[in-house]
């Protein structure tokens, strides 16, 4: 029996190349423009004012991990449902051999394992950071975050 192949269409190849290009561009902008400016701004703040920014950054990163894990579960579900890798309708850059049976299931289960780890990182981080009191205001900054002060600042 001859192996089956997924032939890339011109539109799918173009979409995949745009996606890769966008990812490289976004990563470069974040790495070389946004991150240095953000951390320079952060270092200019007093210690107690840095804390909410660091919390928001950490929670944002945990959210991205959860989204990546969810996408992996969705992709693995498509592989298991169709019984083949790559799943039907997948964007491929070059002619790709279709794997069916045990090979496709192993890839799907491997993807589910990695996605499970990606989904567990935010939960474990939340647990351990909560135990380390990183999710709470440090004691030396507590007077700056009193309810009366927050209410007064909110009314101005």
C-alpha atoms as a PDB file:
ATOM      1  CA  UNK A   1       0.000   0.000   0.000  1.00  0.00           C
ATOM      2  CA  UNK A   2       1.304   3.405  -1.003  1.00  0.00           C
ATOM      3  CA  UNK A   3       1.638   6.003   1.786  1.00  0.00           C
ATOM      4  CA  UNK A   4      -0.679   9.002   1.566  1.00  0.00           C
ATOM      5  CA  UNK A   5       0.640  12.535   1.553  1.00  0.00           C
ATOM      6  CA  UNK A   6      -0.823  15.929   2.334  1.00  0.00           C
ATOM      7  CA  UNK A   7      -0.008  18.251  -0.510  1.00  0.00           C
ATOM      8  CA  UNK A   8       0.332  21.902   0.506  1.00  0.00           C
ATOM      9  CA  UNK A   9      -1.996  24.244  -1.269  1.00  0.00           C
ATOM     10  CA  UNK A  10      -0.706  27.657  -2.210  1.00  0.00           C
ATOM     11  CA  UNK A  11      -3.175  29.332   0.191  1.00  0.00           C
ATOM     12  CA  UNK A  12      -2.295  27.054   3.120  1.00  0.00           C
ATOM     13  CA  UNK A  13       1.428  27.523   2.484  1.00  0.00           C
ATOM     14  CA  UNK A  14       0.955  31.287   2.388  1.00  0.00           C
ATOM     15  CA  UNK A  15      -1.078  31.258   5.638  1.00  0.00           C
ATOM     16  CA  UNK A  16       1.555  29.131   7.366  1.00  0.00           C
ATOM     17  CA  UNK A  17       4.358  31.416   6.194  1.00  0.00           C
ATOM     18  CA  UNK A  18       2.402  34.485   7.368  1.00  0.00           C
ATOM     19  CA  UNK A  19       1.865  32.851  10.739  1.00  0.00           C
ATOM     20  CA  UNK A  20       5.558  32.046  11.148  1.00  0.00           C
ATOM     21  CA  UNK A  21       6.528  35.541   9.996  1.00  0.00           C
ATOM     22  CA  UNK A  22       4.100  37.154  12.407  1.00  0.00           C
ATOM     23  CA  UNK A  23       5.405  35.017  15.271  1.00  0.00           C
ATOM     24  CA  UNK A  24       9.023  35.973  14.499  1.00  0.00           C
ATOM     25  CA  UNK A  25       8.109  39.662  14.193  1.00  0.00           C
ATOM     26  CA  UNK A  26       6.056  39.689  17.416  1.00  0.00           C
ATOM     27  CA  UNK A  27       8.806  37.874  19.317  1.00  0.00           C
ATOM     28  CA  UNK A  28      11.445  40.278  18.027  1.00  0.00           C
ATOM     29  CA  UNK A  29       9.395  43.330  18.973  1.00  0.00           C
ATOM     30  CA  UNK A  30       8.728  41.959  22.442  1.00  0.00           C
ATOM     31  CA  UNK A  31      12.349  40.926  22.980  1.00  0.00           C
ATOM     32  CA  UNK A  32      14.142  44.009  21.659  1.00  0.00           C
ATOM     33  CA  UNK A  33      11.680  46.877  22.144  1.00  0.00           C
ATOM     34  CA  UNK A  34       9.005  46.156  24.714  1.00  0.00           C
ATOM     35  CA  UNK A  35      10.950  44.147  27.313  1.00  0.00           C
ATOM     36  CA  UNK A  36      13.885  46.574  27.712  1.00  0.00           C
ATOM     37  CA  UNK A  37      11.542  49.566  27.943  1.00  0.00           C
ATOM     38  CA  UNK A  38       9.242  47.800  30.394  1.00  0.00           C
ATOM     39  CA  UNK A  39      12.055  46.698  32.698  1.00  0.00           C
ATOM     40  CA  UNK A  40      13.702  50.137  32.547  1.00  0.00           C
ATOM     41  CA  UNK A  41      10.354  51.636  33.590  1.00  0.00           C
ATOM     42  CA  UNK A  42       9.999  49.008  36.296  1.00  0.00           C
ATOM     43  CA  UNK A  43      13.462  49.712  37.686  1.00  0.00           C
ATOM     44  CA  UNK A  44      12.654  53.421  37.903  1.00  0.00           C
ATOM     45  CA  UNK A  45       9.725  52.742  40.252  1.00  0.00           C
ATOM     46  CA  UNK A  46      10.001  52.466  44.027  1.00  0.00           C
ATOM     47  CA  UNK A  47       9.922  48.904  45.363  1.00  0.00           C
ATOM     48  CA  UNK A  48       6.327  49.019  46.547  1.00  0.00           C
ATOM     49  CA  UNK A  49       5.063  50.314  43.200  1.00  0.00           C
ATOM     50  CA  UNK A  50       6.891  47.570  41.261  1.00  0.00           C
ATOM     51  CA  UNK A  51       4.994  44.809  42.975  1.00  0.00           C
ATOM     52  CA  UNK A  52       1.620  45.109  41.157  1.00  0.00           C
ATOM     53  CA  UNK A  53       3.411  45.301  37.809  1.00  0.00           C
ATOM     54  CA  UNK A  54       5.354  42.120  38.533  1.00  0.00           C
ATOM     55  CA  UNK A  55       2.190  40.371  39.677  1.00  0.00           C
ATOM     56  CA  UNK A  56       0.382  41.371  36.480  1.00  0.00           C
ATOM     57  CA  UNK A  57       3.325  40.210  34.350  1.00  0.00           C
ATOM     58  CA  UNK A  58       3.430  36.851  36.104  1.00  0.00           C
ATOM     59  CA  UNK A  59      -0.336  36.345  35.844  1.00  0.00           C
ATOM     60  CA  UNK A  60      -0.181  37.247  32.145  1.00  0.00           C
ATOM     61  CA  UNK A  61       2.535  34.662  31.531  1.00  0.00           C
ATOM     62  CA  UNK A  62       0.507  32.034  33.369  1.00  0.00           C
ATOM     63  CA  UNK A  63      -2.475  32.933  31.172  1.00  0.00           C
ATOM     64  CA  UNK A  64      -0.397  32.450  28.017  1.00  0.00           C
ATOM     65  CA  UNK A  65       0.708  29.022  29.286  1.00  0.00           C
ATOM     66  CA  UNK A  66      -2.933  28.077  29.833  1.00  0.00           C
ATOM     67  CA  UNK A  67      -3.852  29.197  26.297  1.00  0.00           C
ATOM     68  CA  UNK A  68      -1.005  27.176  24.771  1.00  0.00           C
ATOM     69  CA  UNK A  69      -2.096  24.114  26.743  1.00  0.00           C
ATOM     70  CA  UNK A  70      -5.712  24.556  25.646  1.00  0.00           C
ATOM     71  CA  UNK A  71      -4.644  24.843  22.001  1.00  0.00           C
ATOM     72  CA  UNK A  72      -2.593  21.641  22.342  1.00  0.00           C
ATOM     73  CA  UNK A  73      -5.568  19.758  23.781  1.00  0.00           C
ATOM     74  CA  UNK A  74      -7.745  20.993  20.905  1.00  0.00           C
ATOM     75  CA  UNK A  75      -5.130  19.878  18.355  1.00  0.00           C
ATOM     76  CA  UNK A  76      -4.687  16.453  19.987  1.00  0.00           C
ATOM     77  CA  UNK A  77      -8.467  16.004  20.021  1.00  0.00           C
ATOM     78  CA  UNK A  78      -8.542  16.662  16.274  1.00  0.00           C
ATOM     79  CA  UNK A  79      -5.784  14.109  15.694  1.00  0.00           C
ATOM     80  CA  UNK A  80      -7.521  11.439  17.780  1.00  0.00           C
ATOM     81  CA  UNK A  81     -10.914  12.142  16.189  1.00  0.00           C
ATOM     82  CA  UNK A  82      -9.564  11.896  12.629  1.00  0.00           C
ATOM     83  CA  UNK A  83      -7.066   9.131  13.377  1.00  0.00           C
ATOM     84  CA  UNK A  84      -4.312  10.767  11.384  1.00  0.00           C
ATOM     85  CA  UNK A  85      -1.387  13.146  11.685  1.00  0.00           C
ATOM     86  CA  UNK A  86      -1.468  15.848  10.385  1.00  0.00           C
ATOM     87  CA  UNK A  87      -5.147  16.379  11.020  1.00  0.00           C
ATOM     88  CA  UNK A  88      -7.348  17.087   8.002  1.00  0.00           C
ATOM     89  CA  UNK A  89      -7.171  20.726   6.971  1.00  0.00           C
ATOM     90  CA  UNK A  90      -3.793  21.295   8.661  1.00  0.00           C
ATOM     91  CA  UNK A  91      -1.507  23.901   7.133  1.00  0.00           C
ATOM     92  CA  UNK A  92       1.662  22.295   5.851  1.00  0.00           C
ATOM     93  CA  UNK A  93       4.644  23.988   4.239  1.00  0.00           C
ATOM     94  CA  UNK A  94       5.812  20.976   2.257  1.00  0.00           C
ATOM     95  CA  UNK A  95       4.555  17.575   1.175  1.00  0.00           C
ATOM     96  CA  UNK A  96       3.950  15.666   4.409  1.00  0.00           C
ATOM     97  CA  UNK A  97       3.351  11.972   4.871  1.00  0.00           C
ATOM     98  CA  UNK A  98       0.117  11.122   6.674  1.00  0.00           C
ATOM     99  CA  UNK A  99       0.608   8.927   9.721  1.00  0.00           C
ATOM    100  CA  UNK A 100      -2.295   6.790  10.807  1.00  0.00           C
ATOM    101  CA  UNK A 101      -2.964   4.261  13.536  1.00  0.00           C
ATOM    102  CA  UNK A 102      -0.524   3.852  16.403  1.00  0.00           C
ATOM    103  CA  UNK A 103       1.892   6.538  15.130  1.00  0.00           C
ATOM    104  CA  UNK A 104      -0.868   9.169  15.051  1.00  0.00           C
ATOM    105  CA  UNK A 105      -2.195   8.129  18.464  1.00  0.00           C
ATOM    106  CA  UNK A 106       1.293   8.307  20.000  1.00  0.00           C
ATOM    107  CA  UNK A 107       1.737  11.834  18.676  1.00  0.00           C
ATOM    108  CA  UNK A 108      -1.683  12.832  19.979  1.00  0.00           C
ATOM    109  CA  UNK A 109      -1.046  11.350  23.418  1.00  0.00           C
ATOM    110  CA  UNK A 110       2.389  12.976  23.541  1.00  0.00           C
ATOM    111  CA  UNK A 111       0.766  16.291  22.666  1.00  0.00           C
ATOM    112  CA  UNK A 112      -1.829  15.717  25.385  1.00  0.00           C
ATOM    113  CA  UNK A 113       0.946  15.050  27.918  1.00  0.00           C
ATOM    114  CA  UNK A 114       2.804  18.232  27.007  1.00  0.00           C
ATOM    115  CA  UNK A 115      -0.470  20.183  27.023  1.00  0.00           C
ATOM    116  CA  UNK A 116      -1.302  18.782  30.448  1.00  0.00           C
ATOM    117  CA  UNK A 117       2.041  20.042  31.728  1.00  0.00           C
ATOM    118  CA  UNK A 118       1.390  23.416  30.136  1.00  0.00           C
ATOM    119  CA  UNK A 119      -2.021  23.585  31.787  1.00  0.00           C
ATOM    120  CA  UNK A 120      -0.665  22.499  35.165  1.00  0.00           C
ATOM    121  CA  UNK A 121       2.079  25.153  35.299  1.00  0.00           C
ATOM    122  CA  UNK A 122      -0.342  28.039  36.006  1.00  0.00           C
ATOM    123  CA  UNK A 123      -2.112  26.021  38.707  1.00  0.00           C
ATOM    124  CA  UNK A 124       1.118  24.943  40.379  1.00  0.00           C
ATOM    125  CA  UNK A 125       2.515  28.470  40.085  1.00  0.00           C
ATOM    126  CA  UNK A 126      -0.620  29.901  41.661  1.00  0.00           C
ATOM    127  CA  UNK A 127      -0.349  27.413  44.520  1.00  0.00           C
ATOM    128  CA  UNK A 128       3.357  27.905  45.237  1.00  0.00           C
ATOM    129  CA  UNK A 129       3.308  31.671  44.753  1.00  0.00           C
ATOM    130  CA  UNK A 130       0.351  31.888  47.112  1.00  0.00           C
ATOM    131  CA  UNK A 131       2.249  29.900  49.729  1.00  0.00           C
ATOM    132  CA  UNK A 132       5.277  32.178  49.252  1.00  0.00           C
ATOM    133  CA  UNK A 133       3.019  35.253  49.694  1.00  0.00           C
ATOM    134  CA  UNK A 134       3.917  36.600  46.267  1.00  0.00           C
ATOM    135  CA  UNK A 135       0.229  37.060  45.510  1.00  0.00           C
ATOM    136  CA  UNK A 136      -0.197  39.307  48.550  1.00  0.00           C
ATOM    137  CA  UNK A 137       1.127  42.767  49.263  1.00  0.00           C
ATOM    138  CA  UNK A 138       4.495  42.702  51.088  1.00  0.00           C
ATOM    139  CA  UNK A 139       4.258  43.831  54.721  1.00  0.00           C
ATOM    140  CA  UNK A 140       6.518  46.835  54.177  1.00  0.00           C
ATOM    141  CA  UNK A 141       4.159  48.043  51.423  1.00  0.00           C
ATOM    142  CA  UNK A 142       0.914  47.343  53.265  1.00  0.00           C
ATOM    143  CA  UNK A 143       0.392  50.967  54.442  1.00  0.00           C
ATOM    144  CA  UNK A 144       0.446  52.047  50.775  1.00  0.00           C
ATOM    145  CA  UNK A 145      -2.380  49.637  49.952  1.00  0.00           C
ATOM    146  CA  UNK A 146      -4.825  50.331  52.726  1.00  0.00           C
ATOM    147  CA  UNK A 147      -8.495  50.277  51.778  1.00  0.00           C
ATOM    148  CA  UNK A 148      -8.952  53.895  52.846  1.00  0.00           C
ATOM    149  CA  UNK A 149      -6.132  55.044  50.576  1.00  0.00           C
ATOM    150  CA  UNK A 150      -7.380  53.003  47.619  1.00  0.00           C
ATOM    151  CA  UNK A 151     -10.902  54.350  48.120  1.00  0.00           C
ATOM    152  CA  UNK A 152      -9.597  57.932  48.403  1.00  0.00           C
ATOM    153  CA  UNK A 153      -7.450  57.541  45.274  1.00  0.00           C
ATOM    154  CA  UNK A 154     -10.370  56.029  43.416  1.00  0.00           C
ATOM    155  CA  UNK A 155     -12.571  59.051  44.158  1.00  0.00           C
ATOM    156  CA  UNK A 156     -10.075  61.597  42.842  1.00  0.00           C
END
